[in-house]
Amino acid sequence: QEGLLTKLSGRGYIVRQVTQAEISGSIEVRGVLEGLAARQAAENTLSK
């Protein structure tokens, strides 16, 4: 699910080749999304 393994058609898995572009892109997207969440949480005010 994390994109580090690929399931084979039969049994087992193989280690997937991961590129720097994939890593950079996914982390940057998460930063943008979690940053937005933090900003909106501040604007909404946390519950007790």
All heavy atoms as atom14 arrays in JSON, in Angstrom:
{
  "sequence": "QEGLLTKLSGRGYIVRQVTQAEISGSIEVRGVLEGLAARQAAENTLSK",
  "atom14_mask": [
    [1, 1, 1, 1, 1, 1, 1, 1, 1, 0, 0, 0, 0, 0],
    [1, 1, 1, 1, 1, 1, 1, 1, 1, 0, 0, 0, 0, 0],
    [1, 1, 1, 1, 0, 0, 0, 0, 0, 0, 0, 0, 0, 0],
    [1, 1, 1, 1, 1, 1, 1, 1, 0, 0, 0, 0, 0, 0],
    [1, 1, 1, 1, 1, 1, 1, 1, 0, 0, 0, 0, 0, 0],
    [1, 1, 1, 1, 1, 1, 1, 0, 0, 0, 0, 0, 0, 0],
    [1, 1, 1, 1, 1, 1, 1, 1, 1, 0, 0, 0, 0, 0],
    [1, 1, 1, 1, 1, 1, 1, 1, 0, 0, 0, 0, 0, 0],
    [1, 1, 1, 1, 1, 1, 0, 0, 0, 0, 0, 0, 0, 0],
    [1, 1, 1, 1, 0, 0, 0, 0, 0, 0, 0, 0, 0, 0],
    [1, 1, 1, 1, 1, 1, 1, 1, 1, 1, 1, 0, 0, 0],
    [1, 1, 1, 1, 0, 0, 0, 0, 0, 0, 0, 0, 0, 0],
    [1, 1, 1, 1, 1, 1, 1, 1, 1, 1, 1, 1, 0, 0],
    [1, 1, 1, 1, 1, 1, 1, 1, 0, 0, 0, 0, 0, 0],
    [1, 1, 1, 1, 1, 1, 1, 0, 0, 0, 0, 0, 0, 0],
    [1, 1, 1, 1, 1, 1, 1, 1, 1, 1, 1, 0, 0, 0],
    [1, 1, 1, 1, 1, 1, 1, 1, 1, 0, 0, 0, 0, 0],
    [1, 1, 1, 1, 1, 1, 1, 0, 0, 0, 0, 0, 0, 0],
    [1, 1, 1, 1, 1, 1, 1, 0, 0, 0, 0, 0, 0, 0],
    [1, 1, 1, 1, 1, 1, 1, 1, 1, 0, 0, 0, 0, 0],
    [1, 1, 1, 1, 1, 0, 0, 0, 0, 0, 0, 0, 0, 0],
    [1, 1, 1, 1, 1, 1, 1, 1, 1, 0, 0, 0, 0, 0],
    [1, 1, 1, 1, 1, 1, 1, 1, 0, 0, 0, 0, 0, 0],
    [1, 1, 1, 1, 1, 1, 0, 0, 0, 0, 0, 0, 0, 0],
    [1, 1, 1, 1, 0, 0, 0, 0, 0, 0, 0, 0, 0, 0],
    [1, 1, 1, 1, 1, 1, 0, 0, 0, 0, 0, 0, 0, 0],
    [1, 1, 1, 1, 1, 1, 1, 1, 0, 0, 0, 0, 0, 0],
    [1, 1, 1, 1, 1, 1, 1, 1, 1, 0, 0, 0, 0, 0],
    [1, 1, 1, 1, 1, 1, 1, 0, 0, 0, 0, 0, 0, 0],
    [1, 1, 1, 1, 1, 1, 1, 1, 1, 1, 1, 0, 0, 0],
    [1, 1, 1, 1, 0, 0, 0, 0, 0, 0, 0, 0, 0, 0],
    [1, 1, 1, 1, 1, 1, 1, 0, 0, 0, 0, 0, 0, 0],
    [1, 1, 1, 1, 1, 1, 1, 1, 0, 0, 0, 0, 0, 0],
    [1, 1, 1, 1, 1, 1, 1, 1, 1, 0, 0, 0, 0, 0],
    [1, 1, 1, 1, 0, 0, 0, 0, 0, 0, 0, 0, 0, 0],
    [1, 1, 1, 1, 1, 1, 1, 1, 0, 0, 0, 0, 0, 0],
    [1, 1, 1, 1, 1, 0, 0, 0, 0, 0, 0, 0, 0, 0],
    [1, 1, 1, 1, 1, 0, 0, 0, 0, 0, 0, 0, 0, 0],
    [1, 1, 1, 1, 1, 1, 1, 1, 1, 1, 1, 0, 0, 0],
    [1, 1, 1, 1, 1, 1, 1, 1, 1, 0, 0, 0, 0, 0],
    [1, 1, 1, 1, 1, 0, 0, 0, 0, 0, 0, 0, 0, 0],
    [1, 1, 1, 1, 1, 0, 0, 0, 0, 0, 0, 0, 0, 0],
    [1, 1, 1, 1, 1, 1, 1, 1, 1, 0, 0, 0, 0, 0],
    [1, 1, 1, 1, 1, 1, 1, 1, 0, 0, 0, 0, 0, 0],
    [1, 1, 1, 1, 1, 1, 1, 0, 0, 0, 0, 0, 0, 0],
    [1, 1, 1, 1, 1, 1, 1, 1, 0, 0, 0, 0, 0, 0],
    [1, 1, 1, 1, 1, 1, 0, 0, 0, 0, 0, 0, 0, 0],
    [1, 1, 1, 1, 1, 1, 1, 1, 1, 0, 0, 0, 0, 0]
  ],
  "atom14_positions": [
    [[0.82, -1.21, 0.0], [0.0, 0.0, 0.0], [0.85, 1.26, 0.0], [0.45, 2.29, -0.56], [-0.93, -0.01, 1.22], [-1.99, -1.1, 1.16], [-2.8, -1.18, 2.45], [-2.46, -0.55, 3.45], [-3.87, -1.95, 2.42], [0.0, 0.0, 0.0], [0.0, 0.0, 0.0], [0.0, 0.0, 0.0], [0.0, 0.0, 0.0], [0.0, 0.0, 0.0]],
    [[2.02, 1.17, 0.6], [2.93, 2.32, 0.65], [3.73, 2.49, -0.63], [4.49, 3.45, -0.78], [3.89, 2.2, 1.83], [3.24, 2.32, 3.18], [4.23, 2.16, 4.31], [5.46, 2.18, 4.05], [3.8, 1.99, 5.47], [0.0, 0.0, 0.0], [0.0, 0.0, 0.0], [0.0, 0.0, 0.0], [0.0, 0.0, 0.0], [0.0, 0.0, 0.0]],
    [[3.62, 1.53, -1.55], [4.34, 1.65, -2.81], [5.77, 1.14, -2.75], [6.56, 1.43, -3.65], [0.0, 0.0, 0.0], [0.0, 0.0, 0.0], [0.0, 0.0, 0.0], [0.0, 0.0, 0.0], [0.0, 0.0, 0.0], [0.0, 0.0, 0.0], [0.0, 0.0, 0.0], [0.0, 0.0, 0.0], [0.0, 0.0, 0.0], [0.0, 0.0, 0.0]],
    [[6.1, 0.35, -1.7], [7.45, -0.19, -1.59], [7.56, -1.62, -2.1], [8.65, -2.08, -2.43], [7.93, -0.13, -0.13], [8.13, 1.29, 0.43], [8.5, 1.22, 1.9], [9.19, 2.03, -0.36], [0.0, 0.0, 0.0], [0.0, 0.0, 0.0], [0.0, 0.0, 0.0], [0.0, 0.0, 0.0], [0.0, 0.0, 0.0], [0.0, 0.0, 0.0]],
    [[6.44, -2.33, -2.15], [6.4, -3.7, -2.68], [5.36, -3.8, -3.78], [4.38, -3.04, -3.8], [6.07, -4.71, -1.57], [7.05, -4.87, -0.41], [6.52, -5.92, 0.56], [8.43, -5.25, -0.9], [0.0, 0.0, 0.0], [0.0, 0.0, 0.0], [0.0, 0.0, 0.0], [0.0, 0.0, 0.0], [0.0, 0.0, 0.0], [0.0, 0.0, 0.0]],
    [[5.55, -4.76, -4.67], [4.58, -5.07, -5.71], [4.19, -6.53, -5.59], [5.07, -7.4, -5.53], [5.15, -4.81, -7.12], [5.51, -3.43, -7.23], [4.12, -5.16, -8.19], [0.0, 0.0, 0.0], [0.0, 0.0, 0.0], [0.0, 0.0, 0.0], [0.0, 0.0, 0.0], [0.0, 0.0, 0.0], [0.0, 0.0, 0.0], [0.0, 0.0, 0.0]],
    [[2.89, -6.81, -5.55], [2.42, -8.19, -5.42], [2.56, -8.91, -6.76], [2.2, -8.38, -7.8], [0.97, -8.23, -4.96], [0.52, -9.59, -4.44], [-0.87, -9.53, -3.87], [-1.22, -10.82, -3.14], [-0.88, -12.05, -3.86], [0.0, 0.0, 0.0], [0.0, 0.0, 0.0], [0.0, 0.0, 0.0], [0.0, 0.0, 0.0], [0.0, 0.0, 0.0]],
    [[3.08, -10.12, -6.72], [3.22, -10.93, -7.92], [1.9, -11.61, -8.25], [1.04, -11.79, -7.38], [4.32, -11.97, -7.71], [5.73, -11.4, -7.47], [6.69, -12.51, -7.1], [6.21, -10.66, -8.7], [0.0, 0.0, 0.0], [0.0, 0.0, 0.0], [0.0, 0.0, 0.0], [0.0, 0.0, 0.0], [0.0, 0.0, 0.0], [0.0, 0.0, 0.0]],
    [[1.74, -12.03, -9.49], [0.5, -12.68, -9.9], [0.28, -14.0, -9.17], [-0.84, -14.4, -8.9], [0.49, -12.91, -11.42], [1.64, -13.68, -11.8], [0.0, 0.0, 0.0], [0.0, 0.0, 0.0], [0.0, 0.0, 0.0], [0.0, 0.0, 0.0], [0.0, 0.0, 0.0], [0.0, 0.0, 0.0], [0.0, 0.0, 0.0], [0.0, 0.0, 0.0]],
    [[1.39, -14.67, -8.85], [1.28, -15.89, -8.07], [1.4, -15.57, -6.61], [0.67, -14.74, -6.07], [0.0, 0.0, 0.0], [0.0, 0.0, 0.0], [0.0, 0.0, 0.0], [0.0, 0.0, 0.0], [0.0, 0.0, 0.0], [0.0, 0.0, 0.0], [0.0, 0.0, 0.0], [0.0, 0.0, 0.0], [0.0, 0.0, 0.0], [0.0, 0.0, 0.0]],
    [[2.36, -16.18, -5.93], [2.59, -15.88, -4.53], [3.82, -15.0, -4.36], [4.75, -15.06, -5.16], [2.79, -17.18, -3.74], [1.54, -18.04, -3.64], [1.8, -19.24, -2.74], [0.61, -20.05, -2.58], [0.55, -21.14, -1.8], [1.64, -21.54, -1.14], [-0.57, -21.82, -1.7], [0.0, 0.0, 0.0], [0.0, 0.0, 0.0], [0.0, 0.0, 0.0]],
    [[3.81, -14.23, -3.32], [4.96, -13.42, -2.99], [4.91, -12.01, -3.53], [3.95, -11.6, -4.2], [0.0, 0.0, 0.0], [0.0, 0.0, 0.0], [0.0, 0.0, 0.0], [0.0, 0.0, 0.0], [0.0, 0.0, 0.0], [0.0, 0.0, 0.0], [0.0, 0.0, 0.0], [0.0, 0.0, 0.0], [0.0, 0.0, 0.0], [0.0, 0.0, 0.0]],
    [[5.97, -11.27, -3.23], [6.08, -9.87, -3.62], [7.49, -9.63, -4.14], [8.41, -10.42, -3.9], [5.84, -8.94, -2.42], [4.44, -8.98, -1.87], [4.01, -10.04, -1.06], [3.53, -7.95, -2.13], [2.73, -10.07, -0.53], [2.25, -7.97, -1.6], [1.86, -9.02, -0.8], [0.58, -9.05, -0.29], [0.0, 0.0, 0.0], [0.0, 0.0, 0.0]],
    [[7.67, -8.51, -4.84], [9.01, -8.07, -5.21], [9.19, -6.64, -4.69], [8.22, -5.87, -4.57], [9.28, -8.12, -6.73], [8.3, -7.2, -7.48], [9.23, -9.53, -7.24], [8.67, -7.03, -8.95], [0.0, 0.0, 0.0], [0.0, 0.0, 0.0], [0.0, 0.0, 0.0], [0.0, 0.0, 0.0], [0.0, 0.0, 0.0], [0.0, 0.0, 0.0]],
    [[10.43, -6.3, -4.38], [10.75, -4.96, -3.92], [10.66, -4.02, -5.12], [11.28, -4.25, -6.16], [12.16, -4.9, -3.3], [12.48, -3.47, -2.86], [12.25, -5.86, -2.12], [0.0, 0.0, 0.0], [0.0, 0.0, 0.0], [0.0, 0.0, 0.0], [0.0, 0.0, 0.0], [0.0, 0.0, 0.0], [0.0, 0.0, 0.0], [0.0, 0.0, 0.0]],
    [[9.89, -2.99, -4.97], [9.66, -2.05, -6.07], [10.76, -1.01, -6.14], [11.26, -0.55, -5.11], [8.32, -1.36, -5.85], [7.89, -0.4, -6.94], [6.46, 0.08, -6.67], [6.11, 1.16, -7.55], [6.32, 2.45, -7.27], [6.9, 2.79, -6.13], [5.96, 3.39, -8.13], [0.0, 0.0, 0.0], [0.0, 0.0, 0.0], [0.0, 0.0, 0.0]],
    [[11.15, -0.62, -7.33], [12.13, 0.45, -7.5], [11.44, 1.78, -7.22], [10.4, 2.1, -7.8], [12.71, 0.46, -8.91], [13.78, 1.52, -9.11], [14.41, 1.43, -10.5], [13.91, 0.74, -11.37], [15.5, 2.15, -10.68], [0.0, 0.0, 0.0], [0.0, 0.0, 0.0], [0.0, 0.0, 0.0], [0.0, 0.0, 0.0], [0.0, 0.0, 0.0]],
    [[12.02, 2.54, -6.31], [11.45, 3.82, -5.93], [12.35, 4.94, -6.43], [13.56, 4.92, -6.21], [11.31, 3.92, -4.39], [10.74, 5.28, -3.99], [10.41, 2.8, -3.87], [0.0, 0.0, 0.0], [0.0, 0.0, 0.0], [0.0, 0.0, 0.0], [0.0, 0.0, 0.0], [0.0, 0.0, 0.0], [0.0, 0.0, 0.0], [0.0, 0.0, 0.0]],
    [[11.76, 5.92, -7.1], [12.55, 7.02, -7.64], [12.53, 8.22, -6.7], [11.61, 8.39, -5.89], [12.0, 7.47, -9.01], [10.69, 8.05, -8.82], [11.89, 6.28, -9.96], [0.0, 0.0, 0.0], [0.0, 0.0, 0.0], [0.0, 0.0, 0.0], [0.0, 0.0, 0.0], [0.0, 0.0, 0.0], [0.0, 0.0, 0.0], [0.0, 0.0, 0.0]],
    [[13.55, 9.05, -6.82], [13.62, 10.26, -6.02], [12.44, 11.18, -6.32], [11.91, 11.86, -5.43], [14.94, 10.99, -6.29], [15.08, 12.32, -5.55], [15.06, 12.16, -4.05], [15.54, 11.16, -3.54], [14.49, 13.13, -3.35], [0.0, 0.0, 0.0], [0.0, 0.0, 0.0], [0.0, 0.0, 0.0], [0.0, 0.0, 0.0], [0.0, 0.0, 0.0]],
    [[11.99, 11.2, -7.58], [10.87, 12.05, -7.96], [9.6, 11.65, -7.22], [8.82, 12.5, -6.78], [10.65, 11.99, -9.47], [0.0, 0.0, 0.0], [0.0, 0.0, 0.0], [0.0, 0.0, 0.0], [0.0, 0.0, 0.0], [0.0, 0.0, 0.0], [0.0, 0.0, 0.0], [0.0, 0.0, 0.0], [0.0, 0.0, 0.0], [0.0, 0.0, 0.0]],
    [[9.38, 10.34, -7.09], [8.21, 9.86, -6.36], [8.27, 10.28, -4.89], [7.28, 10.73, -4.32], [8.12, 8.33, -6.43], [7.65, 7.76, -7.76], [7.58, 6.25, -7.7], [8.64, 5.6, -7.67], [6.46, 5.71, -7.66], [0.0, 0.0, 0.0], [0.0, 0.0, 0.0], [0.0, 0.0, 0.0], [0.0, 0.0, 0.0], [0.0, 0.0, 0.0]],
    [[9.44, 10.08, -4.29], [9.6, 10.41, -2.88], [9.39, 11.91, -2.66], [8.62, 12.33, -1.79], [11.0, 10.0, -2.39], [11.16, 8.49, -2.45], [11.24, 10.5, -0.98], [12.57, 7.99, -2.17], [0.0, 0.0, 0.0], [0.0, 0.0, 0.0], [0.0, 0.0, 0.0], [0.0, 0.0, 0.0], [0.0, 0.0, 0.0], [0.0, 0.0, 0.0]],
    [[10.05, 12.73, -3.47], [9.95, 14.18, -3.31], [8.52, 14.67, -3.5], [8.02, 15.48, -2.71], [10.87, 14.88, -4.32], [12.21, 14.5, -4.13], [0.0, 0.0, 0.0], [0.0, 0.0, 0.0], [0.0, 0.0, 0.0], [0.0, 0.0, 0.0], [0.0, 0.0, 0.0], [0.0, 0.0, 0.0], [0.0, 0.0, 0.0], [0.0, 0.0, 0.0]],
    [[7.87, 14.16, -4.54], [6.51, 14.59, -4.84], [5.52, 14.23, -3.76], [4.69, 15.05, -3.35], [0.0, 0.0, 0.0], [0.0, 0.0, 0.0], [0.0, 0.0, 0.0], [0.0, 0.0, 0.0], [0.0, 0.0, 0.0], [0.0, 0.0, 0.0], [0.0, 0.0, 0.0], [0.0, 0.0, 0.0], [0.0, 0.0, 0.0], [0.0, 0.0, 0.0]],
    [[5.6, 13.0, -3.28], [4.63, 12.54, -2.28], [4.8, 13.29, -0.96], [3.82, 13.64, -0.3], [4.76, 11.03, -2.07], [6.04, 10.69, -1.57], [0.0, 0.0, 0.0], [0.0, 0.0, 0.0], [0.0, 0.0, 0.0], [0.0, 0.0, 0.0], [0.0, 0.0, 0.0], [0.0, 0.0, 0.0], [0.0, 0.0, 0.0], [0.0, 0.0, 0.0]],
    [[6.04, 13.55, -0.57], [6.29, 14.27, 0.68], [5.85, 15.72, 0.56], [5.27, 16.28, 1.49], [7.79, 14.19, 1.05], [8.16, 12.75, 1.41], [8.1, 15.12, 2.22], [9.63, 12.52, 1.62], [0.0, 0.0, 0.0], [0.0, 0.0, 0.0], [0.0, 0.0, 0.0], [0.0, 0.0, 0.0], [0.0, 0.0, 0.0], [0.0, 0.0, 0.0]],
    [[6.11, 16.33, -0.57], [5.71, 17.72, -0.76], [4.19, 17.87, -0.71], [3.66, 18.8, -0.09], [6.24, 18.25, -2.09], [5.96, 19.74, -2.29], [6.66, 20.29, -3.52], [7.34, 19.53, -4.23], [6.53, 21.51, -3.76], [0.0, 0.0, 0.0], [0.0, 0.0, 0.0], [0.0, 0.0, 0.0], [0.0, 0.0, 0.0], [0.0, 0.0, 0.0]],
    [[3.49, 16.92, -1.34], [2.02, 16.95, -1.32], [1.5, 16.79, 0.11], [0.59, 17.5, 0.54], [1.44, 15.85, -2.23], [-0.06, 15.7, -1.99], [1.69, 16.19, -3.7], [0.0, 0.0, 0.0], [0.0, 0.0, 0.0], [0.0, 0.0, 0.0], [0.0, 0.0, 0.0], [0.0, 0.0, 0.0], [0.0, 0.0, 0.0], [0.0, 0.0, 0.0]],
    [[2.1, 15.87, 0.86], [1.65, 15.69, 2.24], [1.89, 16.96, 3.06], [1.06, 17.35, 3.89], [2.38, 14.52, 2.9], [1.92, 14.31, 4.35], [2.27, 12.93, 4.85], [3.69, 12.72, 5.03], [4.37, 13.04, 6.15], [3.73, 13.61, 7.16], [5.65, 12.78, 6.24], [0.0, 0.0, 0.0], [0.0, 0.0, 0.0], [0.0, 0.0, 0.0]],
    [[3.03, 17.62, 2.83], [3.3, 18.85, 3.55], [2.27, 19.92, 3.26], [1.81, 20.63, 4.17], [0.0, 0.0, 0.0], [0.0, 0.0, 0.0], [0.0, 0.0, 0.0], [0.0, 0.0, 0.0], [0.0, 0.0, 0.0], [0.0, 0.0, 0.0], [0.0, 0.0, 0.0], [0.0, 0.0, 0.0], [0.0, 0.0, 0.0], [0.0, 0.0, 0.0]],
    [[1.88, 20.05, 2.01], [0.87, 21.04, 1.63], [-0.47, 20.72, 2.29], [-1.13, 21.6, 2.86], [0.71, 21.09, 0.1], [-0.51, 21.93, -0.29], [1.97, 21.65, -0.55], [0.0, 0.0, 0.0], [0.0, 0.0, 0.0], [0.0, 0.0, 0.0], [0.0, 0.0, 0.0], [0.0, 0.0, 0.0], [0.0, 0.0, 0.0], [0.0, 0.0, 0.0]],
    [[-0.87, 19.45, 2.24], [-2.17, 19.05, 2.79], [-2.21, 19.19, 4.31], [-3.18, 19.7, 4.87], [-2.49, 17.61, 2.38], [-2.77, 17.38, 0.9], [-2.85, 15.89, 0.59], [-4.08, 18.07, 0.49], [0.0, 0.0, 0.0], [0.0, 0.0, 0.0], [0.0, 0.0, 0.0], [0.0, 0.0, 0.0], [0.0, 0.0, 0.0], [0.0, 0.0, 0.0]],
    [[-1.14, 18.74, 4.98], [-1.14, 18.84, 6.44], [-0.96, 20.29, 6.89], [-1.46, 20.67, 7.95], [-0.05, 17.94, 7.03], [-0.37, 16.47, 6.87], [0.46, 15.58, 7.77], [1.62, 15.95, 8.06], [-0.04, 14.52, 8.18], [0.0, 0.0, 0.0], [0.0, 0.0, 0.0], [0.0, 0.0, 0.0], [0.0, 0.0, 0.0], [0.0, 0.0, 0.0]],
    [[-0.25, 21.08, 6.1], [-0.14, 22.5, 6.41], [-1.5, 23.18, 6.33], [-1.86, 23.99, 7.19], [0.0, 0.0, 0.0], [0.0, 0.0, 0.0], [0.0, 0.0, 0.0], [0.0, 0.0, 0.0], [0.0, 0.0, 0.0], [0.0, 0.0, 0.0], [0.0, 0.0, 0.0], [0.0, 0.0, 0.0], [0.0, 0.0, 0.0], [0.0, 0.0, 0.0]],
    [[-2.26, 22.83, 5.3], [-3.62, 23.38, 5.15], [-4.49, 22.96, 6.33], [-5.26, 23.76, 6.87], [-4.23, 22.89, 3.84], [-5.7, 23.26, 3.59], [-5.87, 24.77, 3.54], [-6.19, 22.62, 2.29], [0.0, 0.0, 0.0], [0.0, 0.0, 0.0], [0.0, 0.0, 0.0], [0.0, 0.0, 0.0], [0.0, 0.0, 0.0], [0.0, 0.0, 0.0]],
    [[-4.35, 21.68, 6.74], [-5.14, 21.19, 7.88], [-4.8, 21.97, 9.15], [-5.7, 22.35, 9.92], [-4.87, 19.7, 8.09], [0.0, 0.0, 0.0], [0.0, 0.0, 0.0], [0.0, 0.0, 0.0], [0.0, 0.0, 0.0], [0.0, 0.0, 0.0], [0.0, 0.0, 0.0], [0.0, 0.0, 0.0], [0.0, 0.0, 0.0], [0.0, 0.0, 0.0]],
    [[-3.52, 22.24, 9.37], [-3.11, 22.99, 10.56], [-3.65, 24.42, 10.53], [-4.11, 24.94, 11.55], [-1.59, 23.0, 10.66], [0.0, 0.0, 0.0], [0.0, 0.0, 0.0], [0.0, 0.0, 0.0], [0.0, 0.0, 0.0], [0.0, 0.0, 0.0], [0.0, 0.0, 0.0], [0.0, 0.0, 0.0], [0.0, 0.0, 0.0], [0.0, 0.0, 0.0]],
    [[-3.6, 25.04, 9.37], [-4.11, 26.42, 9.26], [-5.61, 26.46, 9.53], [-6.09, 27.32, 10.29], [-3.81, 26.99, 7.87], [-4.41, 28.39, 7.66], [-3.9, 29.05, 6.4], [-4.3, 28.35, 5.19], [-5.49, 28.46, 4.62], [-6.43, 29.23, 5.17], [-5.78, 27.82, 3.51], [0.0, 0.0, 0.0], [0.0, 0.0, 0.0], [0.0, 0.0, 0.0]],
    [[-6.34, 25.52, 8.95], [-7.79, 25.53, 9.15], [-8.16, 25.14, 10.58], [-9.15, 25.63, 11.13], [-8.46, 24.6, 8.14], [-8.33, 25.12, 6.71], [-9.11, 24.29, 5.7], [-9.39, 23.12, 5.92], [-9.46, 24.9, 4.58], [0.0, 0.0, 0.0], [0.0, 0.0, 0.0], [0.0, 0.0, 0.0], [0.0, 0.0, 0.0], [0.0, 0.0, 0.0]],
    [[-7.35, 24.28, 11.2], [-7.59, 23.93, 12.6], [-7.43, 25.16, 13.49], [-8.19, 25.38, 14.44], [-6.62, 22.83, 13.04], [0.0, 0.0, 0.0], [0.0, 0.0, 0.0], [0.0, 0.0, 0.0], [0.0, 0.0, 0.0], [0.0, 0.0, 0.0], [0.0, 0.0, 0.0], [0.0, 0.0, 0.0], [0.0, 0.0, 0.0], [0.0, 0.0, 0.0]],
    [[-6.42, 25.98, 13.17], [-6.2, 27.22, 13.93], [-7.35, 28.2, 13.73], [-7.78, 28.88, 14.66], [-4.88, 27.86, 13.51], [0.0, 0.0, 0.0], [0.0, 0.0, 0.0], [0.0, 0.0, 0.0], [0.0, 0.0, 0.0], [0.0, 0.0, 0.0], [0.0, 0.0, 0.0], [0.0, 0.0, 0.0], [0.0, 0.0, 0.0], [0.0, 0.0, 0.0]],
    [[-7.85, 28.26, 12.51], [-8.95, 29.18, 12.21], [-10.25, 28.72, 12.84], [-11.09, 29.55, 13.23], [-9.11, 29.3, 10.69], [-7.93, 29.98, 10.0], [-7.98, 29.86, 8.48], [-8.83, 29.08, 7.98], [-7.18, 30.54, 7.81], [0.0, 0.0, 0.0], [0.0, 0.0, 0.0], [0.0, 0.0, 0.0], [0.0, 0.0, 0.0], [0.0, 0.0, 0.0]],
    [[-10.43, 27.4, 12.95], [-11.68, 26.86, 13.51], [-11.71, 26.88, 15.03], [-12.77, 26.84, 15.63], [-11.88, 25.41, 13.04], [-12.09, 25.31, 11.54], [-12.6, 26.24, 10.92], [-11.7, 24.19, 10.96], [0.0, 0.0, 0.0], [0.0, 0.0, 0.0], [0.0, 0.0, 0.0], [0.0, 0.0, 0.0], [0.0, 0.0, 0.0], [0.0, 0.0, 0.0]],
    [[-10.55, 26.86, 15.65], [-10.39, 26.75, 17.11], [-10.62, 25.31, 17.56], [-11.64, 24.69, 17.24], [-11.35, 27.67, 17.89], [-11.18, 29.02, 17.44], [-11.08, 27.58, 19.38], [0.0, 0.0, 0.0], [0.0, 0.0, 0.0], [0.0, 0.0, 0.0], [0.0, 0.0, 0.0], [0.0, 0.0, 0.0], [0.0, 0.0, 0.0], [0.0, 0.0, 0.0]],
    [[-9.64, 24.78, 18.26], [-9.72, 23.41, 18.75], [-10.83, 23.27, 19.78], [-11.08, 24.18, 20.57], [-8.39, 23.0, 19.39], [-7.16, 22.93, 18.49], [-5.9, 22.77, 19.35], [-7.27, 21.78, 17.5], [0.0, 0.0, 0.0], [0.0, 0.0, 0.0], [0.0, 0.0, 0.0], [0.0, 0.0, 0.0], [0.0, 0.0, 0.0], [0.0, 0.0, 0.0]],
    [[-11.46, 22.08, 19.78], [-12.44, 21.8, 20.82], [-11.69, 21.52, 22.12], [-10.47, 21.27, 22.12], [-13.29, 20.59, 20.45], [-12.51, 19.41, 20.48], [0.0, 0.0, 0.0], [0.0, 0.0, 0.0], [0.0, 0.0, 0.0], [0.0, 0.0, 0.0], [0.0, 0.0, 0.0], [0.0, 0.0, 0.0], [0.0, 0.0, 0.0], [0.0, 0.0, 0.0]],
    [[-12.4, 21.53, 23.23], [-11.78, 21.24, 24.51], [-11.21, 19.83, 24.53], [-10.1, 19.59, 25.03], [-12.79, 21.41, 25.64], [-12.19, 21.21, 27.03], [-13.21, 21.49, 28.13], [-12.59, 21.3, 29.51], [-13.57, 21.58, 30.6], [0.0, 0.0, 0.0], [0.0, 0.0, 0.0], [0.0, 0.0, 0.0], [0.0, 0.0, 0.0], [0.0, 0.0, 0.0]]
  ]
}
